[in-house]
Protein backbone atom coordinates (compact mmCIF):
# COMPACT_ATOMS: atom_id res chain seq x y z
CA MET A 1 -40.61 6.45 72.43
CA ASP A 2 -43.31 4.77 70.38
CA ARG A 3 -46.39 2.92 71.59
CA ALA A 4 -44.82 -0.52 71.16
CA GLY A 5 -41.85 0.45 73.35
CA ILE A 6 -44.16 1.82 76.03
CA GLU A 7 -46.24 -1.38 75.92
CA GLU A 8 -43.09 -3.50 76.30
CA LEU A 9 -41.85 -1.49 79.29
CA PHE A 10 -45.33 -1.65 80.82
CA ALA A 11 -45.27 -5.45 80.60
CA TYR A 12 -41.71 -5.56 81.95
CA THR A 13 -42.57 -3.44 85.00
CA ASP A 14 -45.54 -5.73 85.70
CA PHE A 15 -43.16 -8.69 85.56
CA SER A 16 -40.72 -7.07 87.99
CA TRP A 17 -43.56 -6.03 90.34
CA ARG A 18 -44.81 -9.64 90.46
CA GLU A 19 -41.29 -10.87 91.22
CA HIS A 20 -40.97 -8.33 94.02
CA ALA A 21 -44.37 -9.41 95.36
CA ARG A 22 -43.22 -13.04 95.52
CA ALA A 23 -40.06 -12.09 97.38
CA ILE A 24 -41.95 -9.85 99.80
CA SER A 25 -44.52 -12.53 100.59
CA ALA A 26 -41.67 -14.85 101.58
CA LEU A 27 -40.56 -12.29 104.19
CA GLY A 28 -43.77 -12.78 106.16
CA PRO A 29 -46.22 -10.41 107.80
CA LYS A 30 -45.32 -6.75 108.13
CA ALA A 31 -42.49 -7.09 105.61
CA LEU A 32 -43.58 -3.91 103.87
CA SER A 33 -43.33 -1.82 107.03
CA ARG A 34 -40.30 -3.48 108.61
CA SER A 35 -37.52 -0.94 109.18
CA ALA A 36 -34.51 -1.26 106.87
CA PRO A 37 -31.82 1.04 108.27
CA GLY A 38 -29.06 2.00 105.86
CA SER A 39 -31.13 1.47 102.73
CA GLY A 40 -32.00 5.11 102.07
CA TRP A 41 -35.70 4.30 102.53
CA PRO A 42 -37.41 3.68 105.87
CA ALA A 43 -39.09 0.49 104.59
CA LEU A 44 -40.14 -1.35 101.43
CA ARG A 45 -43.54 0.36 101.49
CA ASN A 46 -41.88 3.76 101.13
CA ALA A 47 -39.89 2.86 98.02
CA LEU A 48 -42.73 0.92 96.40
CA GLY A 49 -45.29 3.54 97.40
CA HIS A 50 -43.10 6.25 95.87
CA VAL A 51 -43.09 4.38 92.57
CA ALA A 52 -46.89 4.02 92.57
CA LEU A 53 -47.43 7.63 93.65
CA ALA A 54 -45.40 8.81 90.65
CA TYR A 55 -47.95 7.19 88.31
CA ASP A 56 -50.78 8.81 90.22
CA ASP A 57 -49.15 12.25 90.18
CA TRP A 58 -48.14 12.33 86.52
CA ILE A 59 -51.33 10.78 85.13
CA ALA A 60 -53.38 13.31 87.12
CA GLU A 61 -51.22 16.05 85.59
CA LEU A 62 -51.57 14.72 82.04
CA THR A 63 -55.32 14.19 82.27
CA SER A 64 -56.14 17.22 84.44
CA SER A 65 -57.71 14.89 86.97
CA LYS A 66 -57.29 14.54 90.71
CA MET A 67 -54.76 12.24 92.28
CA ILE A 68 -56.15 9.25 94.12
CA GLY A 69 -53.45 9.63 96.75
CA LEU A 70 -51.86 7.14 99.09
CA ASP A 71 -50.86 7.35 102.72
CA VAL A 72 -47.72 5.26 102.42
CA GLU A 73 -47.24 5.04 106.18
CA SER A 74 -50.60 3.25 106.52
CA ILE A 75 -49.58 0.43 104.16
CA ASP A 76 -48.90 -2.76 106.10
CA VAL A 77 -50.12 -5.47 103.73
CA TRP A 78 -49.28 -6.14 100.11
CA ASP A 79 -52.89 -6.13 98.91
CA ASP A 80 -53.35 -2.47 99.88
CA LEU A 81 -50.32 -1.43 97.87
CA GLU A 82 -51.24 -3.73 94.99
CA ILE A 83 -54.78 -2.33 94.72
CA TYR A 84 -53.46 1.23 94.61
CA ARG A 85 -50.80 0.40 92.00
CA ARG A 86 -53.28 -1.50 89.88
CA THR A 87 -55.65 1.49 89.98
CA VAL A 88 -53.04 4.05 88.96
CA ARG A 89 -51.62 1.77 86.28
CA GLU A 90 -55.13 1.33 84.89
CA LYS A 91 -55.27 5.12 84.56
CA PHE A 92 -51.95 4.90 82.69
CA ARG A 93 -53.37 2.21 80.41
CA LYS A 94 -56.56 4.22 79.73
CA LEU A 95 -54.54 7.30 78.81
CA LEU A 96 -52.34 5.29 76.45
CA GLU A 97 -55.39 3.71 74.79
CA SER A 98 -57.29 7.00 74.54
CA VAL A 99 -54.80 8.79 72.30
CA ASN A 100 -53.75 8.07 68.74
CA ASP A 101 -50.07 7.95 67.78
CA ASP A 102 -49.99 11.62 66.74
CA GLU A 103 -51.48 12.70 70.08
CA LEU A 104 -49.14 10.36 71.91
CA THR A 105 -46.03 11.97 70.43
CA ARG A 106 -47.21 15.61 70.14
CA ILE A 107 -45.03 17.90 72.26
CA ARG A 108 -46.96 19.92 74.83
CA THR A 109 -45.81 22.59 77.23
CA MET A 110 -46.68 21.81 80.82
CA ASP A 111 -45.90 23.22 84.22
CA VAL A 112 -43.40 21.03 86.04
CA ASP A 113 -42.58 22.32 89.50
CA GLY A 114 -43.37 25.86 88.41
CA GLU A 115 -41.31 25.75 85.24
CA PRO A 116 -42.59 25.32 81.66
CA GLU A 117 -41.32 22.06 80.19
CA SER A 118 -41.98 20.49 76.80
CA TYR A 119 -42.89 16.81 76.71
CA SER A 120 -45.15 14.46 74.82
CA PHE A 121 -47.45 11.98 76.53
CA ALA A 122 -45.06 9.30 75.27
CA ASP A 123 -42.14 11.04 76.99
CA ILE A 124 -43.93 11.12 80.34
CA LEU A 125 -45.31 7.58 80.09
CA ALA A 126 -41.85 6.22 79.20
CA ASN A 127 -40.35 8.24 82.04
CA LEU A 128 -42.80 6.71 84.52
CA LEU A 129 -41.86 3.20 83.48
CA LEU A 130 -38.14 3.97 83.54
CA HIS A 131 -38.56 5.72 86.89
CA GLU A 132 -39.98 2.50 88.30
CA ARG A 133 -37.07 0.55 86.83
CA GLY A 134 -34.66 3.07 88.30
CA HIS A 135 -35.83 2.22 91.80
CA HIS A 136 -35.17 -1.50 91.43
CA GLY A 137 -31.70 -0.98 92.91
CA ASP A 138 -33.26 0.72 95.95
CA ILE A 139 -35.65 -2.18 96.36
CA ASN A 140 -32.77 -4.66 96.08
CA THR A 141 -30.93 -2.78 98.82
CA LEU A 142 -34.05 -2.95 101.00
CA PHE A 143 -34.19 -6.72 100.49
CA TYR A 144 -30.53 -6.97 101.46
CA GLN A 145 -31.07 -4.85 104.58
CA LEU A 146 -33.96 -7.14 105.54
CA GLY A 147 -31.77 -10.23 105.13
CA ALA A 148 -33.51 -11.49 102.01
CA GLU A 149 -32.33 -12.28 98.53
CA ALA A 150 -33.62 -9.86 95.91
CA PRO A 151 -35.48 -11.38 92.97
CA LEU A 152 -33.89 -11.35 89.52
CA VAL A 153 -35.71 -8.62 87.62
CA ASP A 154 -33.25 -7.70 84.90
CA TYR A 155 -34.89 -7.24 81.52
CA ARG A 156 -33.35 -10.47 80.22
CA PHE A 157 -35.27 -12.47 82.82
CA PHE A 158 -38.48 -10.81 81.64
CA LEU A 159 -37.62 -11.80 78.07
CA SER A 160 -36.94 -15.39 79.11
CA ALA A 161 -40.22 -15.57 81.04
CA THR A 162 -42.31 -14.09 78.24
CA ARG A 163 -40.74 -16.04 75.40
CA ARG A 164 -41.36 -19.47 76.92
């Protein structure tokens, strides 16, 4: 994937995160930690924390830096999760801005769970954004289990919002 595609997906995942934030705030206090049996995740904080932790983990791997880390079970308020996500996404942004297009697309061999794998920075950055998108269905299920309507976060709604 090229830089422009990564930038577009980055903006789209920010849009969907904001829409989720609005829906969660309407659920009231402790919405993030409220149990959602049958969803596959204990609570919203677990699914959303998993998404943010993936950024932290992969960016630390790509930049040979330490993870910031997050104790998902301690997250009770949106601001705590938002600050963490903003921090790890800033690391994502800095990595993207620090490499030229050749460096972005150069294939590197890296250790992934003890196995050598070949990826470019672009591959991993795109994967992170698509990984987040992949969990939107889980988050929708959590909303359903909590008795709330999930926000509309399909890509077309992002396009409508950004083209106004």
